[in-house]
């Protein structure tokens, strides 16, 4: 009796078609991202390596998503927040701004993008009356100074559907003194989707953002 022979399938060699490469270079040029083919750790080289893990159909989908992608350098990141904070200050003259991360109660204590955004804010010196808390619960520590002339600013870098921000607002309201005006709560993010902005502003909280989509 003969022993069955198993034929090992050849492993496909990772590849990127000329069409995909051309589209990738067009995207990098349009977005003014550096195309560095000499460094294995460059954004371009790492992107090519990532593409090779997918089928061509998946590669095209990834490129389509990249075309919508907004890449923000650290200097721009800080600059956006400075501008938004100035806008809030100008709209609320004389108000003390209290900055806190846009985090719902169930995620308090976790390191989220909103926490990183707030650290960025703390590292920048402003000429405003601004207090920063690393956790939403830090608001409890300054309750004695909160009054009708206080503005609570919930900080994040991106607002999508608005669900996280809405839950964060509820969390802040549970900490703030009873009767604190909801109009004195603001949400600040660099990028905001229109659906999320509408959902938040429908409850009376204004959203400040630099980029809307």
Protein backbone atom coordinates (compact mmCIF):
# COMPACT_ATOMS: atom_id res chain seq x y z
CA UNK A 1 0.00 0.00 0.00
CA UNK A 2 1.44 3.31 -1.06
CA UNK A 3 1.83 6.16 1.40
CA UNK A 4 -0.26 9.25 0.57
CA UNK A 5 1.83 12.14 -0.62
CA UNK A 6 0.95 15.62 0.51
CA UNK A 7 1.77 18.42 -1.84
CA UNK A 8 2.77 21.59 -0.08
CA UNK A 9 1.27 24.67 -1.64
CA UNK A 10 3.71 27.33 -2.63
CA UNK A 11 3.58 30.43 -0.46
CA UNK A 12 2.63 33.45 -2.55
CA UNK A 13 5.47 35.92 -2.94
CA UNK A 14 4.48 39.31 -1.51
CA UNK A 15 4.17 41.82 -4.30
CA UNK A 16 2.80 45.20 -5.26
CA UNK A 17 1.62 45.80 -8.81
CA UNK A 18 2.79 48.78 -10.86
CA UNK A 19 -0.73 50.25 -10.68
CA UNK A 20 -0.72 50.10 -6.88
CA UNK A 21 2.78 51.61 -6.69
CA UNK A 22 1.77 54.43 -9.02
CA UNK A 23 -1.33 55.18 -6.97
CA UNK A 24 0.69 55.07 -3.74
CA UNK A 25 3.25 57.55 -5.07
CA UNK A 26 0.45 59.84 -6.26
CA UNK A 27 -1.07 59.82 -2.77
CA UNK A 28 2.29 60.57 -1.12
CA UNK A 29 2.95 63.41 -3.58
CA UNK A 30 -0.54 64.88 -3.19
CA UNK A 31 -0.22 64.83 0.60
CA UNK A 32 3.38 66.08 0.41
CA UNK A 33 4.66 63.09 2.36
CA UNK A 34 8.34 62.30 1.89
CA UNK A 35 9.09 59.34 -0.41
CA UNK A 36 12.27 57.83 1.04
CA UNK A 37 13.27 54.55 -0.61
CA UNK A 38 16.64 54.35 1.17
CA UNK A 39 15.47 53.88 4.74
CA UNK A 40 13.74 50.75 6.00
CA UNK A 41 12.02 52.75 8.73
CA UNK A 42 10.70 55.54 6.52
CA UNK A 43 6.95 56.03 6.30
CA UNK A 44 7.05 55.12 2.61
CA UNK A 45 8.99 51.88 3.13
CA UNK A 46 6.83 50.80 6.07
CA UNK A 47 3.70 51.54 4.05
CA UNK A 48 4.98 49.37 1.17
CA UNK A 49 5.74 46.53 3.59
CA UNK A 50 2.23 46.80 4.98
CA UNK A 51 0.69 46.70 1.50
CA UNK A 52 2.54 43.48 0.69
CA UNK A 53 0.61 41.69 3.45
CA UNK A 54 -2.64 42.07 1.54
CA UNK A 55 -4.21 41.01 -1.74
CA UNK A 56 -4.39 43.59 -4.52
CA UNK A 57 -8.07 44.18 -3.80
CA UNK A 58 -7.25 44.84 -0.15
CA UNK A 59 -4.35 47.05 -1.19
CA UNK A 60 -6.68 49.21 -3.25
CA UNK A 61 -9.05 49.53 -0.29
CA UNK A 62 -6.18 50.58 1.98
CA UNK A 63 -5.09 53.17 -0.57
CA UNK A 64 -8.64 54.50 -0.79
CA UNK A 65 -8.73 54.93 2.98
CA UNK A 66 -5.31 56.59 2.89
CA UNK A 67 -6.56 59.15 0.39
CA UNK A 68 -8.98 60.30 3.10
CA UNK A 69 -6.29 60.20 5.78
CA UNK A 70 -5.18 63.37 7.55
CA UNK A 71 -1.59 63.24 8.81
CA UNK A 72 -0.82 65.86 11.43
CA UNK A 73 2.73 66.61 12.59
CA UNK A 74 3.32 67.36 16.27
CA UNK A 75 3.90 71.06 15.61
CA UNK A 76 0.59 71.25 13.72
CA UNK A 77 -1.11 69.20 16.44
CA UNK A 78 -0.16 71.75 19.10
CA UNK A 79 -1.00 74.64 16.78
CA UNK A 80 -4.52 73.36 16.16
CA UNK A 81 -5.21 73.11 19.88
CA UNK A 82 -3.80 76.59 20.48
CA UNK A 83 -6.13 78.05 17.87
CA UNK A 84 -9.18 76.20 19.20
CA UNK A 85 -8.40 77.22 22.76
CA UNK A 86 -8.08 80.83 21.63
CA UNK A 87 -11.48 80.57 19.93
CA UNK A 88 -13.09 79.26 23.12
CA UNK A 89 -11.42 81.96 25.21
CA UNK A 90 -12.60 84.68 22.81
CA UNK A 91 -16.17 83.33 22.91
CA UNK A 92 -16.09 83.20 26.72
CA UNK A 93 -14.21 86.34 27.84
CA UNK A 94 -13.35 86.41 31.52
CA UNK A 95 -14.26 82.76 31.99
CA UNK A 96 -11.94 80.32 33.72
CA UNK A 97 -11.38 77.36 31.41
CA UNK A 98 -11.15 73.93 33.02
CA UNK A 99 -9.66 71.35 30.64
CA UNK A 100 -10.36 67.64 31.08
CA UNK A 101 -10.04 64.60 28.78
CA UNK A 102 -13.12 63.54 26.85
CA UNK A 103 -13.44 60.15 28.55
CA UNK A 104 -16.61 58.38 29.73
CA UNK A 105 -16.77 57.07 33.30
CA UNK A 106 -16.23 53.42 32.33
CA UNK A 107 -12.90 54.31 30.69
CA UNK A 108 -11.61 56.62 33.42
CA UNK A 109 -8.03 55.80 34.37
CA UNK A 110 -7.15 54.37 30.96
CA UNK A 111 -4.66 56.05 28.66
CA UNK A 112 -6.69 57.23 25.67
CA UNK A 113 -5.99 59.62 22.80
CA UNK A 114 -7.83 62.32 24.74
CA UNK A 115 -5.34 61.92 27.60
CA UNK A 116 -2.45 62.38 25.17
CA UNK A 117 -4.17 65.45 23.74
CA UNK A 118 -4.49 66.91 27.22
CA UNK A 119 -0.83 66.26 28.01
CA UNK A 120 -0.05 68.23 24.85
CA UNK A 121 -2.17 71.08 26.18
CA UNK A 122 -0.39 71.00 29.55
CA UNK A 123 3.01 71.21 27.86
CA UNK A 124 2.07 74.49 26.20
CA UNK A 125 2.00 77.77 28.09
CA UNK A 126 -1.09 79.88 27.55
CA UNK A 127 -1.94 83.42 28.51
CA UNK A 128 -5.42 82.33 29.56
CA UNK A 129 -6.90 81.40 32.93
CA UNK A 130 -6.75 77.67 32.22
CA UNK A 131 -6.63 74.73 34.57
CA UNK A 132 -5.95 71.21 33.34
CA UNK A 133 -6.91 67.89 34.86
CA UNK A 134 -5.47 64.59 33.66
CA UNK A 135 -8.61 62.67 34.64
CA UNK A 136 -12.23 63.83 34.41
CA UNK A 137 -12.49 63.06 38.14
CA UNK A 138 -9.87 65.77 38.76
CA UNK A 139 -12.76 68.21 38.38
CA UNK A 140 -13.74 67.13 41.92
CA UNK A 141 -10.52 68.65 43.25
CA UNK A 142 -11.47 72.11 42.01
CA UNK A 143 -15.19 72.11 42.77
CA UNK A 144 -14.79 75.05 45.21
CA UNK A 145 -13.67 77.36 42.38
CA UNK A 146 -16.33 76.26 39.88
CA UNK A 147 -19.13 78.75 39.38
CA UNK A 148 -21.41 80.12 36.67
CA UNK A 149 -18.37 81.80 35.09
CA UNK A 150 -16.49 78.53 34.63
CA UNK A 151 -16.22 76.77 31.27
CA UNK A 152 -15.51 73.04 31.20
CA UNK A 153 -13.65 71.99 28.04
CA UNK A 154 -13.57 68.27 27.21
CA UNK A 155 -10.52 67.64 25.01
CA UNK A 156 -10.00 64.97 22.33
CA UNK A 157 -8.24 64.77 18.98
CA UNK A 158 -11.08 63.07 17.07
CA UNK A 159 -14.86 62.94 17.43
CA UNK A 160 -16.62 60.28 15.34
CA UNK A 161 -20.24 59.37 16.02
CA UNK A 162 -20.20 61.49 19.16
CA UNK A 163 -21.14 58.61 21.47
CA UNK A 164 -17.93 58.83 23.53
CA UNK A 165 -18.27 62.60 23.88
CA UNK A 166 -21.93 62.33 24.91
CA UNK A 167 -21.05 59.79 27.62
CA UNK A 168 -18.14 61.99 28.72
CA UNK A 169 -20.50 64.95 29.06
CA UNK A 170 -22.82 62.86 31.25
CA UNK A 171 -19.82 61.86 33.39
CA UNK A 172 -18.75 65.49 33.79
CA UNK A 173 -22.30 66.49 34.71
CA UNK A 174 -22.37 63.82 37.43
CA UNK A 175 -19.28 65.42 39.00
CA UNK A 176 -20.15 69.09 38.52
CA UNK A 177 -22.36 70.99 40.98
CA UNK A 178 -26.08 70.42 40.49
CA UNK A 179 -27.54 73.01 38.15
CA UNK A 180 -24.23 73.74 36.38
CA UNK A 181 -25.29 75.09 32.94
CA UNK A 182 -24.75 72.58 30.15
CA UNK A 183 -24.00 75.52 27.85
CA UNK A 184 -20.84 76.03 29.93
CA UNK A 185 -19.52 72.65 28.78
CA UNK A 186 -17.60 72.62 25.48
CA UNK A 187 -16.04 69.84 23.43
CA UNK A 188 -12.77 70.56 21.62
CA UNK A 189 -11.25 68.24 19.00
CA UNK A 190 -8.98 68.67 16.00
CA UNK A 191 -11.15 66.53 13.70
CA UNK A 192 -14.90 66.07 14.03
CA UNK A 193 -17.33 64.10 11.89
CA UNK A 194 -20.46 66.06 11.10
CA UNK A 195 -22.76 63.38 12.55
CA UNK A 196 -20.97 63.52 15.88
CA UNK A 197 -20.93 67.30 15.97
CA UNK A 198 -24.68 67.46 15.33
CA UNK A 199 -25.41 64.86 18.04
CA UNK A 200 -23.38 66.78 20.63
CA UNK A 201 -24.70 70.22 19.76
CA UNK A 202 -28.27 68.88 19.85
CA UNK A 203 -27.97 68.63 23.65
CA UNK A 204 -26.70 72.20 23.96
CA UNK A 205 -22.93 71.62 24.02
CA UNK A 206 -20.89 73.54 21.46
CA UNK A 207 -18.18 71.70 19.54
CA UNK A 208 -14.95 73.42 18.53
CA UNK A 209 -12.95 71.69 15.80
CA UNK A 210 -10.45 72.59 13.13
CA UNK A 211 -11.40 69.95 10.55
CA UNK A 212 -14.93 68.67 9.87
CA UNK A 213 -15.82 65.71 7.66
